[in-house]
C-alpha atoms as a PDB file:
ATOM      1  CA  MET A   1     -31.220  38.136   0.556  1.00  0.00           C
ATOM      2  CA  LYS A   2     -34.343  37.168  -1.177  1.00  0.00           C
ATOM      3  CA  LEU A   3     -36.331  34.195  -0.281  1.00  0.00           C
ATOM      4  CA  PHE A   4     -38.261  32.332  -2.799  1.00  0.00           C
ATOM      5  CA  ARG A   5     -41.776  31.967  -1.571  1.00  0.00           C
ATOM      6  CA  ILE A   6     -44.461  29.431  -3.207  1.00  0.00           C
ATOM      7  CA  SER A   7     -48.029  29.909  -2.462  1.00  0.00           C
ATOM      8  CA  PHE A   8     -49.904  27.192  -0.709  1.00  0.00           C
ATOM      9  CA  PRO A   9     -52.229  26.441  -3.755  1.00  0.00           C
ATOM     10  CA  ALA A  10     -49.088  26.287  -5.888  1.00  0.00           C
ATOM     11  CA  PHE A  11     -47.424  23.980  -3.390  1.00  0.00           C
ATOM     12  CA  VAL A  12     -50.400  21.652  -3.117  1.00  0.00           C
ATOM     13  CA  LEU A  13     -50.561  21.487  -6.983  1.00  0.00           C
ATOM     14  CA  LEU A  14     -46.720  20.717  -7.316  1.00  0.00           C
ATOM     15  CA  PHE A  15     -46.922  17.986  -4.646  1.00  0.00           C
ATOM     16  CA  PHE A  16     -49.835  16.231  -6.303  1.00  0.00           C
ATOM     17  CA  MET A  17     -47.922  16.452  -9.818  1.00  0.00           C
ATOM     18  CA  VAL A  18     -45.040  14.796  -8.605  1.00  0.00           C
ATOM     19  CA  SER A  19     -47.085  12.112  -6.449  1.00  0.00           C
ATOM     20  CA  ALA A  20     -49.286  11.164  -9.441  1.00  0.00           C
ATOM     21  CA  ASP A  21     -45.810  10.651 -11.562  1.00  0.00           C
ATOM     22  CA  LEU A  22     -44.557   8.404  -8.799  1.00  0.00           C
ATOM     23  CA  ALA A  23     -47.784   6.529  -8.251  1.00  0.00           C
ATOM     24  CA  GLU A  24     -47.820   5.802 -11.838  1.00  0.00           C
ATOM     25  CA  THR A  25     -44.348   4.325 -11.834  1.00  0.00           C
ATOM     26  CA  THR A  26     -44.813   0.629 -11.336  1.00  0.00           C
ATOM     27  CA  VAL A  27     -42.395  -2.502 -11.670  1.00  0.00           C
ATOM     28  CA  VAL A  28     -44.088  -5.422 -13.015  1.00  0.00           C
ATOM     29  CA  ILE A  29     -42.287  -8.763 -12.175  1.00  0.00           C
ATOM     30  CA  GLN A  30     -43.705 -11.581 -14.996  1.00  0.00           C
ATOM     31  CA  PHE A  31     -42.536 -14.891 -13.321  1.00  0.00           C
ATOM     32  CA  HIS A  32     -41.948 -17.860 -15.629  1.00  0.00           C
ATOM     33  CA  ASN A  33     -40.955 -21.390 -14.914  1.00  0.00           C
ATOM     34  CA  ILE A  34     -42.601 -21.610 -11.303  1.00  0.00           C
ATOM     35  CA  ARG A  35     -42.531 -24.845  -9.704  1.00  0.00           C
ATOM     36  CA  GLY A  36     -45.413 -26.331  -7.748  1.00  0.00           C
ATOM     37  CA  GLU A  37     -48.096 -24.108  -5.894  1.00  0.00           C
ATOM     38  CA  GLU A  38     -46.856 -24.621  -2.411  1.00  0.00           C
ATOM     39  CA  GLY A  39     -44.597 -22.076  -0.609  1.00  0.00           C
ATOM     40  CA  ASN A  40     -43.751 -18.427  -1.141  1.00  0.00           C
ATOM     41  CA  MET A  41     -41.900 -16.264  -3.604  1.00  0.00           C
ATOM     42  CA  LEU A  42     -39.479 -13.885  -1.885  1.00  0.00           C
ATOM     43  CA  ILE A  43     -38.541 -10.945  -3.844  1.00  0.00           C
ATOM     44  CA  SER A  44     -35.684  -8.579  -3.064  1.00  0.00           C
ATOM     45  CA  MET A  45     -35.052  -5.350  -4.848  1.00  0.00           C
ATOM     46  CA  TYR A  46     -31.646  -3.237  -4.859  1.00  0.00           C
ATOM     47  CA  ASP A  47     -30.619  -0.017  -5.941  1.00  0.00           C
ATOM     48  CA  ALA A  48     -26.849  -0.007  -5.282  1.00  0.00           C
ATOM     49  CA  PRO A  49     -24.160  -2.739  -5.996  1.00  0.00           C
ATOM     50  CA  ASN A  50     -23.029  -2.887  -2.029  1.00  0.00           C
ATOM     51  CA  GLN A  51     -26.664  -4.177  -1.213  1.00  0.00           C
ATOM     52  CA  PHE A  52     -26.592  -7.157  -4.053  1.00  0.00           C
ATOM     53  CA  PRO A  53     -27.333  -9.922  -3.307  1.00  0.00           C
ATOM     54  CA  TYR A  54     -27.538 -10.234   0.397  1.00  0.00           C
ATOM     55  CA  GLN A  55     -28.710  -6.861   1.788  1.00  0.00           C
ATOM     56  CA  PRO A  56     -31.956  -5.603  -0.291  1.00  0.00           C
ATOM     57  CA  LYS A  57     -33.182  -2.350   0.103  1.00  0.00           C
ATOM     58  CA  TRP A  58     -36.697  -3.527  -0.469  1.00  0.00           C
ATOM     59  CA  LYS A  59     -38.161  -7.141   0.439  1.00  0.00           C
ATOM     60  CA  TYR A  60     -41.304  -8.363  -0.537  1.00  0.00           C
ATOM     61  CA  MET A  61     -43.086 -11.870   0.061  1.00  0.00           C
ATOM     62  CA  ILE A  62     -46.287 -13.415  -1.939  1.00  0.00           C
ATOM     63  CA  SER A  63     -47.594 -16.832  -1.781  1.00  0.00           C
ATOM     64  CA  LYS A  64     -47.194 -18.811  -4.794  1.00  0.00           C
ATOM     65  CA  SER A  65     -50.960 -19.623  -4.864  1.00  0.00           C
ATOM     66  CA  ARG A  66     -51.815 -15.762  -4.892  1.00  0.00           C
ATOM     67  CA  LEU A  67     -49.053 -15.047  -7.317  1.00  0.00           C
ATOM     68  CA  MET A  68     -50.813 -17.545  -9.768  1.00  0.00           C
ATOM     69  CA  GLU A  69     -54.074 -15.905  -9.207  1.00  0.00           C
ATOM     70  CA  GLN A  70     -52.539 -12.924 -10.514  1.00  0.00           C
ATOM     71  CA  GLY A  71     -51.176 -14.376 -13.799  1.00  0.00           C
ATOM     72  CA  ASN A  72     -47.816 -15.001 -12.221  1.00  0.00           C
ATOM     73  CA  ARG A  73     -47.262 -11.087 -11.946  1.00  0.00           C
ATOM     74  CA  PHE A  74     -46.289  -9.007  -9.012  1.00  0.00           C
ATOM     75  CA  HIS A  75     -46.489  -5.310  -9.223  1.00  0.00           C
ATOM     76  CA  ILE A  76     -44.187  -2.909  -6.973  1.00  0.00           C
ATOM     77  CA  LYS A  77     -45.725   0.455  -6.911  1.00  0.00           C
ATOM     78  CA  GLU A  78     -44.532   3.844  -6.399  1.00  0.00           C
ATOM     79  CA  VAL A  79     -40.933   3.334  -7.643  1.00  0.00           C
ATOM     80  CA  ILE A  80     -38.605   6.125  -8.355  1.00  0.00           C
ATOM     81  CA  SER A  81     -37.051   6.245 -11.656  1.00  0.00           C
ATOM     82  CA  GLY A  82     -33.376   4.796 -11.576  1.00  0.00           C
ATOM     83  CA  LYS A  83     -31.542   1.557 -11.952  1.00  0.00           C
ATOM     84  CA  TYR A  84     -32.442  -1.657  -9.909  1.00  0.00           C
ATOM     85  CA  ALA A  85     -31.701  -5.280  -9.821  1.00  0.00           C
ATOM     86  CA  ILE A  86     -34.221  -7.920  -8.559  1.00  0.00           C
ATOM     87  CA  ALA A  87     -33.373 -11.347  -7.067  1.00  0.00           C
ATOM     88  CA  ILE A  88     -35.924 -14.006  -6.495  1.00  0.00           C
ATOM     89  CA  PHE A  89     -36.159 -17.008  -4.257  1.00  0.00           C
ATOM     90  CA  ASP A  90     -38.790 -19.725  -4.377  1.00  0.00           C
ATOM     91  CA  ASP A  91     -39.274 -20.722  -0.783  1.00  0.00           C
ATOM     92  CA  GLU A  92     -40.910 -23.769  -1.323  1.00  0.00           C
ATOM     93  CA  ASN A  93     -40.925 -25.000   2.302  1.00  0.00           C
ATOM     94  CA  CYS A  94     -41.826 -21.540   3.726  1.00  0.00           C
ATOM     95  CA  ASP A  95     -38.660 -21.342   5.826  1.00  0.00           C
ATOM     96  CA  THR A  96     -36.950 -18.087   4.287  1.00  0.00           C
ATOM     97  CA  VAL A  97     -33.731 -20.040   4.047  1.00  0.00           C
ATOM     98  CA  MET A  98     -32.402 -21.154   0.757  1.00  0.00           C
ATOM     99  CA  GLN A  99     -32.269 -24.662   0.962  1.00  0.00           C
ATOM    100  CA  LYS A 100     -28.820 -25.937  -0.250  1.00  0.00           C
ATOM    101  CA  ASN A 101     -27.076 -29.635  -0.848  1.00  0.00           C
ATOM    102  CA  PHE A 102     -23.711 -30.544   0.836  1.00  0.00           C
ATOM    103  CA  LEU A 103     -21.906 -28.713  -2.040  1.00  0.00           C
ATOM    104  CA  GLY A 104     -23.760 -25.413  -1.423  1.00  0.00           C
ATOM    105  CA  ILE A 105     -25.886 -25.870  -4.583  1.00  0.00           C
ATOM    106  CA  PRO A 106     -29.308 -24.439  -4.224  1.00  0.00           C
ATOM    107  CA  LYS A 107     -32.200 -26.985  -3.988  1.00  0.00           C
ATOM    108  CA  GLU A 108     -34.859 -24.357  -4.162  1.00  0.00           C
ATOM    109  CA  GLY A 109     -35.575 -22.201  -7.300  1.00  0.00           C
ATOM    110  CA  TYR A 110     -34.048 -18.694  -7.968  1.00  0.00           C
ATOM    111  CA  GLY A 111     -33.905 -15.918 -10.499  1.00  0.00           C
ATOM    112  CA  PHE A 112     -32.450 -12.530 -11.186  1.00  0.00           C
ATOM    113  CA  SER A 113     -33.555  -9.564 -13.437  1.00  0.00           C
ATOM    114  CA  ASN A 114     -32.140  -9.893 -16.929  1.00  0.00           C
ATOM    115  CA  ASN A 115     -32.102 -13.699 -16.388  1.00  0.00           C
ATOM    116  CA  PRO A 116     -28.237 -14.245 -16.283  1.00  0.00           C
ATOM    117  CA  LYS A 117     -27.009 -17.784 -16.575  1.00  0.00           C
ATOM    118  CA  PRO A 118     -26.287 -19.864 -13.379  1.00  0.00           C
ATOM    119  CA  SER A 119     -22.522 -20.105 -12.803  1.00  0.00           C
ATOM    120  CA  ILE A 120     -20.254 -21.970 -10.379  1.00  0.00           C
ATOM    121  CA  LYS A 121     -19.011 -18.672  -9.265  1.00  0.00           C
ATOM    122  CA  GLY A 122     -22.151 -17.880  -7.394  1.00  0.00           C
ATOM    123  CA  ALA A 123     -24.649 -14.922  -7.551  1.00  0.00           C
ATOM    124  CA  PRO A 124     -24.218 -12.862 -10.600  1.00  0.00           C
ATOM    125  CA  ALA A 125     -22.767  -9.304 -10.210  1.00  0.00           C
ATOM    126  CA  PHE A 126     -25.200  -6.438  -9.708  1.00  0.00           C
ATOM    127  CA  GLU A 127     -24.314  -4.929 -13.094  1.00  0.00           C
ATOM    128  CA  ASP A 128     -25.597  -8.064 -14.901  1.00  0.00           C
ATOM    129  CA  CYS A 129     -28.877  -7.795 -13.253  1.00  0.00           C
ATOM    130  CA  THR A 130     -29.649  -4.084 -13.400  1.00  0.00           C
ATOM    131  CA  PHE A 131     -32.500  -2.551 -15.496  1.00  0.00           C
ATOM    132  CA  ALA A 132     -33.805   0.755 -15.922  1.00  0.00           C
ATOM    133  CA  VAL A 133     -37.327   2.215 -14.544  1.00  0.00           C
ATOM    134  CA  SER A 134     -38.660   4.896 -16.286  1.00  0.00           C
ATOM    135  CA  GLU A 135     -40.914   7.641 -14.308  1.00  0.00           C
ATOM    136  CA  GLY A 136     -44.580   7.513 -15.005  1.00  0.00           C
ATOM    137  CA  ALA A 137     -44.697   3.989 -16.565  1.00  0.00           C
ATOM    138  CA  GLU A 138     -45.400   0.263 -16.063  1.00  0.00           C
ATOM    139  CA  ASN A 139     -41.796  -1.318 -16.307  1.00  0.00           C
ATOM    140  CA  LEU A 140     -41.966  -4.955 -17.117  1.00  0.00           C
ATOM    141  CA  VAL A 141     -39.128  -7.410 -15.807  1.00  0.00           C
ATOM    142  CA  GLU A 142     -39.335 -11.026 -16.885  1.00  0.00           C
ATOM    143  CA  ILE A 143     -37.819 -13.418 -14.586  1.00  0.00           C
ATOM    144  CA  GLU A 144     -37.093 -17.214 -15.587  1.00  0.00           C
ATOM    145  CA  LEU A 145     -36.817 -19.280 -12.461  1.00  0.00           C
ATOM    146  CA  GLN A 146     -33.894 -21.615 -12.362  1.00  0.00           C
ATOM    147  CA  TYR A 147     -34.291 -24.955 -10.470  1.00  0.00           C
ATOM    148  CA  LEU A 148     -31.166 -26.889 -10.585  1.00  0.00           C
ATOM    149  CA  PHE A 149     -32.619 -30.319  -9.151  1.00  0.00           C
ATOM    150  CA  ARG A 150     -35.821 -31.268 -10.465  1.00  0.00           C
ATOM    151  CA  LYS A 151     -38.483 -33.191  -8.463  1.00  0.00           C
ATOM    152  CA  PRO A 152     -40.247 -36.161  -9.786  1.00  0.00           C
ATOM    153  CA  ASP A 153     -43.665 -35.492 -11.304  1.00  0.00           C
ATOM    154  CA  GLU A 154     -43.207 -31.668 -10.730  1.00  0.00           C
ATOM    155  CA  GLU A 155     -45.661 -29.237 -12.163  1.00  0.00           C
ATOM    156  CA  ILE A 156     -44.324 -25.929 -13.877  1.00  0.00           C
ATOM    157  CA  HIS A 157     -46.425 -22.885 -14.182  1.00  0.00           C
END
């Protein structure tokens, strides 16, 4: 029985080559139609249909004021190539709970990758929101936030 042996310098070189590609693979979320400057954006990322939309594999949070300082862009670094979906929730009152009216209709903003249109059926399917991440690249995902109820004198960014 032969064992494959790799020298330590070759292993280190291989490790850094793989790490370099991973480090350069980024998902950049460009937000459009953000209401107001108060609150946080909650970002959920999924890589399987059984997670979507209630059990994200990765969760991120950024204040809306900081997001606006960054040009309404959020960077997720070291992403492995594959298919993903993103859901966004504009937590305007910072309670981490989607506020809904008595009919269950969201009062706060939300959005999904690929920007599927709102439906009375509820959240879109994972397949409607998936996008491919290419290794070693900056992968841009543009998300248009939806607000079903407008506030008087609201400011959109």
